[in-house]
């Protein structure tokens, strides 16, 4: 059961805590552009790094290349973002789960691009949960079906939004505000800030794409 952890080059104060991954035996760390430097500063030598590395100074680039063995340098002019390249590399390891950090805060266009990337890749890889995480949030794209939700005191609040199209026949159980076969319309905020009150809850829906955000204060 391989877990892939990608660190991109967004603001350093927006990164997740890496301590949760350091005790896992089978974990792959991938640094995207400046994310490679962030991982090294956390005492983690990435399995590989990828990107154009245009955000690194000459001194930082020398430090990175002297420490990391597996480096894939891309041209600065390319169709994919460095995060896209890292996500595609992560999928080659056939992981059971992918975590992506370093894409929140800072530039909103980079954040939106990351959400759209996990949306695109989640559709073609439905068996691999892909999550964006930082210190206070976890974001996932859910496809039609039933999804178990484990209670986590760190992420007390849970919200659901329609992404791309309306989410039909939504049933929520184990949460403070339960629903039965309702619809999450595009543009509505009615399903914001629910709370999981059971150890295990679930959401089920018959069609549509759901953006699930779990948050702490």
N, C-alpha and C. Protein backbone atom coordinates (compact mmCIF):
# COMPACT_ATOMS: atom_id res chain seq x y z
N UNK A 1 0.84 -1.19 0.00
CA UNK A 1 0.00 0.00 0.00
C UNK A 1 0.88 1.24 0.00
N UNK A 2 1.16 1.74 -1.17
CA UNK A 2 2.03 2.90 -1.33
C UNK A 2 1.21 4.19 -1.25
N UNK A 3 1.67 5.13 -0.45
CA UNK A 3 1.07 6.45 -0.36
C UNK A 3 2.02 7.44 -1.02
N UNK A 4 1.49 8.30 -1.86
CA UNK A 4 2.30 9.32 -2.53
C UNK A 4 1.98 10.68 -1.92
N UNK A 5 3.03 11.41 -1.54
CA UNK A 5 2.88 12.75 -0.98
C UNK A 5 3.62 13.73 -1.88
N UNK A 6 2.88 14.68 -2.42
CA UNK A 6 3.46 15.69 -3.32
C UNK A 6 3.51 17.02 -2.58
N UNK A 7 4.64 17.66 -2.64
CA UNK A 7 4.78 19.01 -2.07
C UNK A 7 5.08 19.97 -3.20
N UNK A 8 4.17 20.92 -3.42
CA UNK A 8 4.38 21.94 -4.44
C UNK A 8 4.94 23.21 -3.79
N UNK A 9 5.13 24.24 -4.61
CA UNK A 9 5.89 25.40 -4.16
C UNK A 9 5.11 26.59 -3.67
N UNK A 10 3.88 26.37 -3.18
CA UNK A 10 3.10 27.47 -2.64
C UNK A 10 3.70 27.99 -1.35
N UNK A 11 3.05 28.95 -0.69
CA UNK A 11 3.59 29.53 0.54
C UNK A 11 3.90 28.45 1.58
N UNK A 12 5.07 28.54 2.19
CA UNK A 12 5.52 27.50 3.11
C UNK A 12 4.61 27.38 4.33
N UNK A 13 4.02 28.48 4.76
CA UNK A 13 3.15 28.43 5.94
C UNK A 13 1.81 27.75 5.65
N UNK A 14 1.56 27.39 4.39
CA UNK A 14 0.33 26.70 4.02
C UNK A 14 0.51 25.19 3.91
N UNK A 15 1.71 24.70 4.18
CA UNK A 15 1.96 23.27 4.04
C UNK A 15 1.27 22.48 5.14
N UNK A 16 1.01 21.21 4.87
CA UNK A 16 0.49 20.32 5.90
C UNK A 16 1.62 19.94 6.86
N UNK A 17 1.27 19.25 7.93
CA UNK A 17 2.28 18.66 8.80
C UNK A 17 2.73 17.35 8.18
N UNK A 18 4.04 17.17 8.02
CA UNK A 18 4.55 15.94 7.39
C UNK A 18 4.78 14.83 8.41
N UNK A 19 4.60 15.12 9.70
CA UNK A 19 4.86 14.11 10.73
C UNK A 19 3.97 12.89 10.55
N UNK A 20 2.75 13.09 10.05
CA UNK A 20 1.82 11.97 9.86
C UNK A 20 2.32 10.97 8.82
N UNK A 21 3.24 11.40 7.95
CA UNK A 21 3.73 10.52 6.89
C UNK A 21 5.10 9.91 7.20
N UNK A 22 5.83 10.51 8.13
CA UNK A 22 7.21 10.07 8.40
C UNK A 22 7.27 8.69 9.03
N UNK A 23 6.17 8.24 9.64
CA UNK A 23 6.16 6.93 10.28
C UNK A 23 5.63 5.83 9.36
N UNK A 24 5.25 6.21 8.15
CA UNK A 24 4.73 5.22 7.19
C UNK A 24 5.89 4.63 6.40
N UNK A 25 5.94 3.31 6.33
CA UNK A 25 7.05 2.63 5.65
C UNK A 25 7.04 2.86 4.14
N UNK A 26 5.88 2.66 3.51
CA UNK A 26 5.81 2.71 2.06
C UNK A 26 5.20 4.02 1.60
N UNK A 27 6.00 5.07 1.64
CA UNK A 27 5.53 6.39 1.23
C UNK A 27 6.52 6.99 0.23
N UNK A 28 5.98 7.58 -0.82
CA UNK A 28 6.76 8.23 -1.87
C UNK A 28 6.60 9.73 -1.72
N UNK A 29 7.71 10.45 -1.60
CA UNK A 29 7.67 11.92 -1.54
C UNK A 29 8.16 12.48 -2.87
N UNK A 30 7.35 13.36 -3.44
CA UNK A 30 7.70 14.00 -4.70
C UNK A 30 7.67 15.52 -4.50
N UNK A 31 8.76 16.18 -4.83
CA UNK A 31 8.82 17.63 -4.75
C UNK A 31 8.58 18.25 -6.11
N UNK A 32 7.63 19.17 -6.17
CA UNK A 32 7.35 19.89 -7.42
C UNK A 32 7.94 21.29 -7.31
N UNK A 33 8.93 21.57 -8.14
CA UNK A 33 9.59 22.87 -8.15
C UNK A 33 10.07 23.23 -6.74
N UNK A 34 9.66 24.36 -6.17
CA UNK A 34 10.17 24.79 -4.87
C UNK A 34 9.77 23.84 -3.74
N UNK A 35 8.78 23.01 -4.00
CA UNK A 35 8.38 22.00 -3.02
C UNK A 35 9.52 21.05 -2.69
N UNK A 36 10.45 20.87 -3.61
CA UNK A 36 11.62 20.02 -3.34
C UNK A 36 12.43 20.60 -2.18
N UNK A 37 12.61 21.92 -2.19
CA UNK A 37 13.36 22.58 -1.12
C UNK A 37 12.60 22.51 0.20
N UNK A 38 11.29 22.66 0.15
CA UNK A 38 10.48 22.56 1.37
C UNK A 38 10.63 21.19 2.03
N UNK A 39 10.60 20.13 1.23
CA UNK A 39 10.74 18.78 1.79
C UNK A 39 12.11 18.61 2.45
N UNK A 40 13.15 19.09 1.80
CA UNK A 40 14.49 18.98 2.38
C UNK A 40 14.58 19.74 3.70
N UNK A 41 13.93 20.89 3.78
CA UNK A 41 13.93 21.66 5.02
C UNK A 41 13.18 20.92 6.13
N UNK A 42 12.28 20.01 5.76
CA UNK A 42 11.55 19.20 6.73
C UNK A 42 12.33 17.94 7.11
N UNK A 43 13.52 17.80 6.55
CA UNK A 43 14.32 16.61 6.83
C UNK A 43 13.92 15.41 6.00
N UNK A 44 13.21 15.65 4.92
CA UNK A 44 12.74 14.58 4.03
C UNK A 44 13.48 14.68 2.70
N UNK A 45 14.18 13.63 2.32
CA UNK A 45 14.82 13.58 1.00
C UNK A 45 13.80 12.99 0.02
N UNK A 46 13.33 13.77 -0.94
CA UNK A 46 12.28 13.28 -1.84
C UNK A 46 12.74 12.06 -2.65
N UNK A 47 11.79 11.20 -2.94
CA UNK A 47 12.06 10.07 -3.82
C UNK A 47 12.46 10.59 -5.20
N UNK A 48 11.78 11.63 -5.62
CA UNK A 48 12.16 12.32 -6.85
C UNK A 48 11.58 13.73 -6.83
N UNK A 49 12.14 14.59 -7.67
CA UNK A 49 11.64 15.95 -7.80
C UNK A 49 11.45 16.25 -9.28
N UNK A 50 10.51 17.16 -9.55
CA UNK A 50 10.17 17.43 -10.94
C UNK A 50 9.72 18.88 -11.08
N UNK A 51 9.99 19.47 -12.23
CA UNK A 51 9.56 20.84 -12.50
C UNK A 51 10.60 21.61 -13.28
N UNK A 52 10.33 22.89 -13.51
CA UNK A 52 11.32 23.72 -14.20
C UNK A 52 12.27 24.41 -13.22
N UNK A 53 11.88 24.41 -11.92
CA UNK A 53 12.72 24.93 -10.83
C UNK A 53 13.13 26.39 -11.04
N UNK A 54 12.26 27.14 -11.71
CA UNK A 54 12.58 28.54 -11.94
C UNK A 54 12.41 29.40 -10.69
N UNK A 55 11.83 28.83 -9.64
CA UNK A 55 11.63 29.58 -8.40
C UNK A 55 12.82 29.44 -7.44
N UNK A 56 13.80 28.62 -7.80
CA UNK A 56 14.96 28.41 -6.93
C UNK A 56 16.12 29.32 -7.35
N UNK A 57 16.82 29.83 -6.37
CA UNK A 57 18.04 30.59 -6.64
C UNK A 57 19.14 29.61 -7.04
N UNK A 58 20.25 30.11 -7.54
CA UNK A 58 21.36 29.24 -7.91
C UNK A 58 21.87 28.47 -6.69
N UNK A 59 21.92 29.12 -5.55
CA UNK A 59 22.39 28.44 -4.33
C UNK A 59 21.42 27.35 -3.90
N UNK A 60 20.12 27.64 -3.97
CA UNK A 60 19.11 26.64 -3.60
C UNK A 60 19.13 25.47 -4.57
N UNK A 61 19.28 25.76 -5.86
CA UNK A 61 19.33 24.70 -6.87
C UNK A 61 20.54 23.80 -6.65
N UNK A 62 21.68 24.38 -6.30
CA UNK A 62 22.88 23.59 -6.02
C UNK A 62 22.66 22.68 -4.82
N UNK A 63 22.02 23.21 -3.78
CA UNK A 63 21.72 22.42 -2.59
C UNK A 63 20.81 21.24 -2.93
N UNK A 64 19.78 21.51 -3.70
CA UNK A 64 18.83 20.46 -4.06
C UNK A 64 19.49 19.39 -4.91
N UNK A 65 20.23 19.78 -5.92
CA UNK A 65 20.84 18.80 -6.83
C UNK A 65 21.95 18.00 -6.17
N UNK A 66 22.54 18.53 -5.12
CA UNK A 66 23.58 17.80 -4.40
C UNK A 66 23.00 16.81 -3.39
N UNK A 67 21.68 16.90 -3.16
CA UNK A 67 21.04 16.06 -2.14
C UNK A 67 20.10 15.02 -2.73
N UNK A 68 19.38 15.41 -3.77
CA UNK A 68 18.38 14.52 -4.37
C UNK A 68 18.97 13.82 -5.58
N UNK A 69 18.75 12.51 -5.67
CA UNK A 69 19.32 11.73 -6.77
C UNK A 69 18.45 11.75 -8.03
N UNK A 70 17.14 11.63 -7.84
CA UNK A 70 16.23 11.47 -8.98
C UNK A 70 15.60 12.83 -9.32
N UNK A 71 16.12 13.49 -10.35
CA UNK A 71 15.67 14.83 -10.73
C UNK A 71 15.17 14.81 -12.17
N UNK A 72 13.96 15.33 -12.38
CA UNK A 72 13.40 15.45 -13.72
C UNK A 72 13.13 16.92 -13.99
N UNK A 73 14.01 17.52 -14.77
CA UNK A 73 13.91 18.95 -15.04
C UNK A 73 13.12 19.17 -16.33
N UNK A 74 12.11 20.02 -16.24
CA UNK A 74 11.24 20.29 -17.38
C UNK A 74 11.55 21.68 -17.95
N UNK A 75 11.16 21.89 -19.18
CA UNK A 75 11.30 23.21 -19.79
C UNK A 75 10.35 24.20 -19.12
N UNK A 76 10.77 25.44 -19.01
CA UNK A 76 9.93 26.46 -18.39
C UNK A 76 8.66 26.70 -19.21
N UNK A 77 8.77 26.60 -20.55
CA UNK A 77 7.60 26.77 -21.42
C UNK A 77 7.00 25.40 -21.69
N UNK A 78 5.87 25.11 -21.05
CA UNK A 78 5.23 23.80 -21.16
C UNK A 78 3.73 23.96 -20.94
N UNK A 79 2.97 22.97 -21.36
CA UNK A 79 1.52 23.02 -21.19
C UNK A 79 1.10 22.69 -19.76
N UNK A 80 1.81 21.79 -19.10
CA UNK A 80 1.45 21.35 -17.76
C UNK A 80 2.10 22.23 -16.70
N UNK A 81 1.44 22.35 -15.56
CA UNK A 81 2.08 22.99 -14.42
C UNK A 81 3.04 21.99 -13.77
N UNK A 82 3.93 22.48 -12.92
CA UNK A 82 4.83 21.57 -12.20
C UNK A 82 4.03 20.60 -11.33
N UNK A 83 2.94 21.08 -10.76
CA UNK A 83 2.08 20.21 -9.95
C UNK A 83 1.45 19.12 -10.80
N UNK A 84 1.03 19.46 -12.02
CA UNK A 84 0.49 18.45 -12.94
C UNK A 84 1.52 17.35 -13.19
N UNK A 85 2.73 17.76 -13.46
CA UNK A 85 3.80 16.79 -13.74
C UNK A 85 4.03 15.88 -12.54
N UNK A 86 3.98 16.46 -11.34
CA UNK A 86 4.19 15.68 -10.13
C UNK A 86 3.04 14.69 -9.91
N UNK A 87 1.82 15.12 -10.17
CA UNK A 87 0.68 14.21 -10.03
C UNK A 87 0.78 13.03 -11.00
N UNK A 88 1.17 13.31 -12.23
CA UNK A 88 1.31 12.24 -13.22
C UNK A 88 2.42 11.27 -12.81
N UNK A 89 3.52 11.79 -12.25
CA UNK A 89 4.60 10.93 -11.77
C UNK A 89 4.11 10.08 -10.60
N UNK A 90 3.34 10.67 -9.71
CA UNK A 90 2.83 9.93 -8.55
C UNK A 90 1.98 8.74 -8.99
N UNK A 91 1.19 8.92 -10.03
CA UNK A 91 0.33 7.85 -10.51
C UNK A 91 1.12 6.66 -11.05
N UNK A 92 2.34 6.89 -11.52
CA UNK A 92 3.15 5.78 -12.05
C UNK A 92 3.56 4.81 -10.94
N UNK A 93 3.51 5.24 -9.69
CA UNK A 93 3.83 4.35 -8.57
C UNK A 93 2.64 3.49 -8.15
N UNK A 94 1.51 3.68 -8.81
CA UNK A 94 0.27 2.96 -8.50
C UNK A 94 -0.06 3.05 -7.00
N UNK A 95 -0.16 4.26 -6.48
CA UNK A 95 -0.40 4.42 -5.04
C UNK A 95 -1.83 4.10 -4.66
N UNK A 96 -2.05 3.85 -3.39
CA UNK A 96 -3.40 3.64 -2.88
C UNK A 96 -4.05 4.98 -2.53
N UNK A 97 -3.22 6.03 -2.38
CA UNK A 97 -3.73 7.34 -2.01
C UNK A 97 -2.68 8.39 -2.38
N UNK A 98 -3.15 9.57 -2.77
CA UNK A 98 -2.24 10.68 -3.10
C UNK A 98 -2.62 11.89 -2.26
N UNK A 99 -1.63 12.49 -1.62
CA UNK A 99 -1.82 13.73 -0.87
C UNK A 99 -1.03 14.83 -1.56
N UNK A 100 -1.66 15.98 -1.73
CA UNK A 100 -1.03 17.11 -2.40
C UNK A 100 -1.06 18.32 -1.49
N UNK A 101 0.10 18.88 -1.16
CA UNK A 101 0.18 20.07 -0.33
C UNK A 101 1.03 21.12 -1.03
N UNK A 102 0.97 22.36 -0.54
CA UNK A 102 1.74 23.43 -1.18
C UNK A 102 1.04 24.06 -2.35
N UNK A 103 -0.28 23.92 -2.44
CA UNK A 103 -1.04 24.52 -3.55
C UNK A 103 -2.10 25.49 -3.06
N UNK A 104 -2.22 25.67 -1.74
CA UNK A 104 -3.18 26.62 -1.19
C UNK A 104 -2.44 27.88 -0.73
N UNK A 105 -3.19 28.97 -0.56
CA UNK A 105 -2.56 30.24 -0.22
C UNK A 105 -1.85 30.81 -1.43
N UNK A 106 -1.38 32.03 -1.34
CA UNK A 106 -0.65 32.60 -2.46
C UNK A 106 -1.55 32.83 -3.66
N UNK A 107 -1.10 32.42 -4.82
CA UNK A 107 -1.81 32.70 -6.07
C UNK A 107 -3.07 31.84 -6.21
N UNK A 108 -4.20 32.49 -6.40
CA UNK A 108 -5.47 31.77 -6.53
C UNK A 108 -5.55 30.99 -7.83
N UNK A 109 -4.87 31.47 -8.89
CA UNK A 109 -4.92 30.72 -10.14
C UNK A 109 -4.22 29.38 -9.99
N UNK A 110 -3.15 29.32 -9.19
CA UNK A 110 -2.47 28.05 -8.95
C UNK A 110 -3.35 27.09 -8.15
N UNK A 111 -4.07 27.64 -7.18
CA UNK A 111 -4.98 26.80 -6.40
C UNK A 111 -6.09 26.23 -7.27
N UNK A 112 -6.71 27.10 -8.07
CA UNK A 112 -7.79 26.63 -8.95
C UNK A 112 -7.28 25.60 -9.95
N UNK A 113 -6.08 25.80 -10.45
CA UNK A 113 -5.49 24.83 -11.38
C UNK A 113 -5.30 23.48 -10.69
N UNK A 114 -4.89 23.50 -9.42
CA UNK A 114 -4.69 22.25 -8.69
C UNK A 114 -6.00 21.51 -8.47
N UNK A 115 -7.05 22.25 -8.13
CA UNK A 115 -8.37 21.62 -7.94
C UNK A 115 -8.85 20.99 -9.25
N UNK A 116 -8.67 21.71 -10.35
CA UNK A 116 -9.09 21.17 -11.64
C UNK A 116 -8.25 19.95 -12.04
N UNK A 117 -6.99 19.95 -11.64
CA UNK A 117 -6.13 18.80 -11.94
C UNK A 117 -6.59 17.55 -11.20
N UNK A 118 -6.88 17.70 -9.89
CA UNK A 118 -7.32 16.50 -9.16
C UNK A 118 -8.70 16.06 -9.64
N UNK A 119 -9.52 17.01 -10.07
CA UNK A 119 -10.83 16.65 -10.64
C UNK A 119 -10.65 15.79 -11.88
N UNK A 120 -9.77 16.25 -12.78
CA UNK A 120 -9.54 15.51 -14.03
C UNK A 120 -8.95 14.13 -13.76
N UNK A 121 -7.97 14.07 -12.88
CA UNK A 121 -7.30 12.80 -12.62
C UNK A 121 -8.13 11.86 -11.77
N UNK A 122 -9.00 12.42 -10.90
CA UNK A 122 -9.86 11.56 -10.09
C UNK A 122 -10.86 10.81 -10.95
N UNK A 123 -11.35 11.47 -11.99
CA UNK A 123 -12.33 10.83 -12.87
C UNK A 123 -11.73 9.61 -13.58
N UNK A 124 -10.48 9.71 -14.01
CA UNK A 124 -9.86 8.59 -14.73
C UNK A 124 -9.16 7.61 -13.79
N UNK A 125 -9.06 7.97 -12.51
CA UNK A 125 -8.46 7.06 -11.51
C UNK A 125 -9.36 7.00 -10.27
N UNK A 126 -10.59 6.50 -10.44
CA UNK A 126 -11.56 6.55 -9.34
C UNK A 126 -11.15 5.71 -8.12
N UNK A 127 -10.24 4.77 -8.31
CA UNK A 127 -9.84 3.89 -7.21
C UNK A 127 -8.77 4.50 -6.31
N UNK A 128 -8.23 5.66 -6.68
CA UNK A 128 -7.16 6.29 -5.92
C UNK A 128 -7.65 7.63 -5.36
N UNK A 129 -7.93 7.72 -4.07
CA UNK A 129 -8.31 9.02 -3.49
C UNK A 129 -7.17 10.03 -3.65
N UNK A 130 -7.49 11.21 -4.16
CA UNK A 130 -6.51 12.29 -4.33
C UNK A 130 -6.98 13.46 -3.47
N UNK A 131 -6.15 13.89 -2.53
CA UNK A 131 -6.55 14.91 -1.57
C UNK A 131 -5.59 16.09 -1.58
N UNK A 132 -6.13 17.30 -1.55
CA UNK A 132 -5.35 18.51 -1.30
C UNK A 132 -5.42 18.78 0.20
N UNK A 133 -4.27 18.97 0.84
CA UNK A 133 -4.26 19.18 2.28
C UNK A 133 -3.35 20.35 2.65
N UNK A 134 -3.74 21.03 3.73
CA UNK A 134 -2.84 21.98 4.38
C UNK A 134 -3.05 21.84 5.88
N UNK A 135 -2.63 22.81 6.66
CA UNK A 135 -2.72 22.66 8.11
C UNK A 135 -4.15 22.63 8.62
N UNK A 136 -5.10 23.19 7.86
CA UNK A 136 -6.46 23.34 8.37
C UNK A 136 -7.54 22.74 7.49
N UNK A 137 -7.19 22.19 6.34
CA UNK A 137 -8.21 21.72 5.40
C UNK A 137 -7.78 20.47 4.65
N UNK A 138 -8.80 19.73 4.21
CA UNK A 138 -8.60 18.59 3.32
C UNK A 138 -9.68 18.66 2.25
N UNK A 139 -9.28 18.60 0.99
CA UNK A 139 -10.21 18.76 -0.13
C UNK A 139 -10.17 17.52 -1.00
N UNK A 140 -11.36 17.00 -1.35
CA UNK A 140 -11.44 15.83 -2.22
C UNK A 140 -12.54 16.02 -3.25
N UNK A 141 -12.37 15.36 -4.38
CA UNK A 141 -13.41 15.23 -5.39
C UNK A 141 -14.06 13.86 -5.20
N UNK A 142 -15.38 13.83 -5.03
CA UNK A 142 -16.10 12.57 -4.89
C UNK A 142 -16.94 12.30 -6.13
N UNK A 143 -16.88 11.06 -6.59
CA UNK A 143 -17.69 10.63 -7.73
C UNK A 143 -18.94 9.92 -7.22
N UNK A 144 -19.91 9.73 -8.08
CA UNK A 144 -21.17 9.12 -7.68
C UNK A 144 -20.95 7.78 -7.00
N UNK A 145 -21.71 7.53 -5.94
CA UNK A 145 -21.59 6.30 -5.18
C UNK A 145 -21.72 6.59 -3.69
N UNK A 146 -21.26 5.67 -2.88
CA UNK A 146 -21.31 5.82 -1.41
C UNK A 146 -19.89 5.96 -0.89
N UNK A 147 -19.66 6.98 -0.05
CA UNK A 147 -18.34 7.28 0.47
C UNK A 147 -18.39 7.34 2.00
N UNK A 148 -17.65 6.46 2.65
CA UNK A 148 -17.56 6.49 4.11
C UNK A 148 -16.72 7.69 4.55
N UNK A 149 -17.08 8.27 5.68
CA UNK A 149 -16.37 9.43 6.23
C UNK A 149 -16.02 9.13 7.68
N UNK A 150 -14.75 9.00 7.97
CA UNK A 150 -14.29 8.69 9.32
C UNK A 150 -14.17 9.97 10.13
N UNK A 151 -14.68 9.94 11.35
CA UNK A 151 -14.59 11.11 12.23
C UNK A 151 -13.13 11.46 12.49
N UNK A 152 -12.80 12.73 12.40
CA UNK A 152 -11.45 13.22 12.64
C UNK A 152 -11.57 14.53 13.40
N UNK A 153 -11.12 14.55 14.66
CA UNK A 153 -11.25 15.75 15.47
C UNK A 153 -10.48 16.94 14.89
N UNK A 154 -9.45 16.63 14.10
CA UNK A 154 -8.68 17.71 13.49
C UNK A 154 -9.52 18.47 12.47
N UNK A 155 -10.34 17.73 11.71
CA UNK A 155 -11.19 18.33 10.70
C UNK A 155 -12.64 18.19 11.13
N UNK A 156 -13.05 19.09 12.01
CA UNK A 156 -14.36 18.99 12.64
C UNK A 156 -15.50 19.29 11.68
N UNK A 157 -15.30 20.25 10.81
CA UNK A 157 -16.37 20.71 9.93
C UNK A 157 -16.25 20.06 8.55
N UNK A 158 -17.41 19.81 7.94
CA UNK A 158 -17.40 19.15 6.64
C UNK A 158 -18.44 19.83 5.74
N UNK A 159 -18.03 20.14 4.52
CA UNK A 159 -18.90 20.85 3.58
C UNK A 159 -18.90 20.13 2.24
N UNK A 160 -20.01 20.28 1.54
CA UNK A 160 -20.17 19.62 0.24
C UNK A 160 -20.66 20.64 -0.79
N UNK A 161 -20.03 20.64 -1.96
CA UNK A 161 -20.40 21.57 -3.03
C UNK A 161 -20.51 20.80 -4.35
N UNK A 162 -21.44 21.22 -5.18
CA UNK A 162 -21.54 20.65 -6.52
C UNK A 162 -20.41 21.22 -7.37
N UNK A 163 -19.71 20.33 -8.06
CA UNK A 163 -18.60 20.75 -8.92
C UNK A 163 -18.88 20.26 -10.33
N UNK A 164 -18.99 21.14 -11.25
CA UNK A 164 -19.23 20.82 -12.66
C UNK A 164 -20.72 20.63 -12.97
N UNK A 165 -21.41 19.88 -12.12
CA UNK A 165 -22.84 19.65 -12.34
C UNK A 165 -23.51 19.36 -11.00
N UNK A 166 -24.85 19.45 -10.96
CA UNK A 166 -25.59 19.21 -9.73
C UNK A 166 -25.35 17.79 -9.22
N UNK A 167 -25.39 17.64 -7.91
CA UNK A 167 -25.21 16.34 -7.27
C UNK A 167 -26.59 15.85 -6.84
N UNK A 168 -27.02 14.72 -7.39
CA UNK A 168 -28.40 14.26 -7.22
C UNK A 168 -28.53 13.14 -6.18
N UNK A 169 -29.70 13.12 -5.53
CA UNK A 169 -30.07 12.07 -4.58
C UNK A 169 -29.03 11.93 -3.45
N UNK A 170 -28.75 13.07 -2.81
CA UNK A 170 -27.73 13.09 -1.77
C UNK A 170 -28.31 12.64 -0.44
N UNK A 171 -27.71 11.60 0.12
CA UNK A 171 -28.07 11.13 1.46
C UNK A 171 -26.85 11.24 2.35
N UNK A 172 -27.02 11.92 3.49
CA UNK A 172 -25.96 12.09 4.48
C UNK A 172 -26.38 11.43 5.77
N UNK A 173 -25.48 10.63 6.34
CA UNK A 173 -25.74 9.97 7.61
C UNK A 173 -24.54 10.12 8.53
N UNK A 174 -24.82 10.16 9.84
CA UNK A 174 -23.76 10.28 10.83
C UNK A 174 -23.30 11.70 11.04
N UNK A 175 -24.04 12.67 10.46
CA UNK A 175 -23.69 14.08 10.59
C UNK A 175 -24.79 14.82 11.35
N UNK A 176 -24.49 16.03 11.77
CA UNK A 176 -25.44 16.83 12.55
C UNK A 176 -26.69 17.13 11.74
N UNK A 177 -26.51 17.46 10.46
CA UNK A 177 -27.64 17.77 9.59
C UNK A 177 -27.72 16.71 8.51
N UNK A 178 -28.58 15.71 8.72
CA UNK A 178 -28.70 14.61 7.77
C UNK A 178 -29.67 14.99 6.64
N UNK A 179 -29.47 14.36 5.51
CA UNK A 179 -30.36 14.58 4.37
C UNK A 179 -30.71 13.22 3.76
N UNK A 180 -31.80 13.20 3.02
CA UNK A 180 -32.22 11.98 2.32
C UNK A 180 -32.63 12.35 0.90
N UNK A 181 -31.86 11.89 -0.05
CA UNK A 181 -32.16 12.05 -1.48
C UNK A 181 -32.45 13.50 -1.85
N UNK A 182 -31.59 14.40 -1.41
CA UNK A 182 -31.70 15.80 -1.79
C UNK A 182 -30.72 16.11 -2.92
N UNK A 183 -30.73 17.37 -3.38
CA UNK A 183 -29.87 17.78 -4.48
C UNK A 183 -28.97 18.93 -4.04
N UNK A 184 -27.69 18.83 -4.37
CA UNK A 184 -26.77 19.95 -4.18
C UNK A 184 -26.68 20.67 -5.52
N UNK A 185 -27.29 21.83 -5.60
CA UNK A 185 -27.31 22.57 -6.85
C UNK A 185 -26.01 23.32 -7.05
N UNK A 186 -25.66 23.57 -8.31
CA UNK A 186 -24.52 24.43 -8.62
C UNK A 186 -24.76 25.82 -8.03
N UNK A 187 -23.81 26.34 -7.28
CA UNK A 187 -23.91 27.69 -6.74
C UNK A 187 -24.49 27.77 -5.34
N UNK A 188 -25.05 26.68 -4.80
CA UNK A 188 -25.62 26.75 -3.47
C UNK A 188 -24.55 26.59 -2.39
N UNK A 189 -24.78 27.22 -1.24
CA UNK A 189 -23.89 27.06 -0.09
C UNK A 189 -24.61 26.38 1.07
N UNK A 190 -25.75 25.76 0.80
CA UNK A 190 -26.59 25.19 1.85
C UNK A 190 -25.95 24.00 2.56
N UNK A 191 -24.99 23.36 1.90
CA UNK A 191 -24.37 22.18 2.49
C UNK A 191 -23.01 22.50 3.11
N UNK A 192 -22.85 23.75 3.56
CA UNK A 192 -21.60 24.20 4.17
C UNK A 192 -21.63 24.00 5.68
N UNK A 193 -20.48 23.63 6.25
CA UNK A 193 -20.26 23.59 7.71
C UNK A 193 -21.20 22.62 8.44
N UNK A 194 -21.29 21.41 7.93
CA UNK A 194 -21.93 20.32 8.67
C UNK A 194 -20.89 19.76 9.65
N UNK A 195 -21.30 18.85 10.52
CA UNK A 195 -20.37 18.24 11.47
C UNK A 195 -20.64 16.74 11.57
N UNK A 196 -19.57 15.95 11.59
CA UNK A 196 -19.70 14.51 11.77
C UNK A 196 -19.87 14.25 13.25
N UNK A 197 -20.96 13.59 13.66
CA UNK A 197 -21.23 13.33 15.08
C UNK A 197 -21.06 11.87 15.44
N UNK A 198 -20.94 11.00 14.43
CA UNK A 198 -20.67 9.58 14.66
C UNK A 198 -19.22 9.28 14.33
N UNK A 199 -18.72 8.15 14.80
CA UNK A 199 -17.35 7.75 14.46
C UNK A 199 -17.21 7.51 12.98
N UNK A 200 -18.30 7.07 12.36
CA UNK A 200 -18.27 6.80 10.92
C UNK A 200 -19.59 7.25 10.31
N UNK A 201 -19.50 8.12 9.33
CA UNK A 201 -20.68 8.54 8.60
C UNK A 201 -20.50 8.27 7.12
N UNK A 202 -21.44 8.75 6.32
CA UNK A 202 -21.26 8.56 4.87
C UNK A 202 -22.09 9.57 4.09
N UNK A 203 -21.67 9.77 2.84
CA UNK A 203 -22.46 10.48 1.85
C UNK A 203 -22.66 9.55 0.67
N UNK A 204 -23.85 9.52 0.14
CA UNK A 204 -24.12 8.76 -1.08
C UNK A 204 -24.90 9.65 -2.04
N UNK A 205 -24.64 9.49 -3.32
CA UNK A 205 -25.38 10.24 -4.33
C UNK A 205 -25.32 9.47 -5.65
N UNK A 206 -26.31 9.71 -6.50
CA UNK A 206 -26.47 8.90 -7.71
C UNK A 206 -25.76 9.46 -8.93
N UNK A 207 -25.57 10.79 -8.97
CA UNK A 207 -24.91 11.39 -10.12
C UNK A 207 -24.35 12.75 -9.75
N UNK A 208 -23.42 13.22 -10.59
CA UNK A 208 -22.80 14.50 -10.36
C UNK A 208 -21.39 14.37 -9.77
N UNK A 209 -20.76 15.50 -9.56
CA UNK A 209 -19.41 15.56 -8.99
C UNK A 209 -19.49 16.40 -7.72
N UNK A 210 -18.98 15.85 -6.62
CA UNK A 210 -19.07 16.54 -5.33
C UNK A 210 -17.68 16.94 -4.83
N UNK A 211 -17.55 18.19 -4.46
CA UNK A 211 -16.32 18.69 -3.84
C UNK A 211 -16.55 18.66 -2.33
N UNK A 212 -15.77 17.82 -1.62
CA UNK A 212 -15.90 17.71 -0.17
C UNK A 212 -14.71 18.41 0.49
N UNK A 213 -15.01 19.32 1.42
CA UNK A 213 -13.96 20.05 2.15
C UNK A 213 -14.14 19.79 3.64
N UNK A 214 -13.09 19.26 4.27
CA UNK A 214 -13.10 19.06 5.72
C UNK A 214 -12.15 20.10 6.32
N UNK A 215 -12.62 20.78 7.38
CA UNK A 215 -11.86 21.92 7.89
C UNK A 215 -11.84 21.94 9.42
N UNK A 216 -10.82 22.63 9.93
CA UNK A 216 -10.74 22.95 11.35
C UNK A 216 -10.87 24.44 11.52
N UNK A 217 -11.06 24.92 12.74
CA UNK A 217 -11.12 26.36 12.99
C UNK A 217 -9.76 26.99 12.78
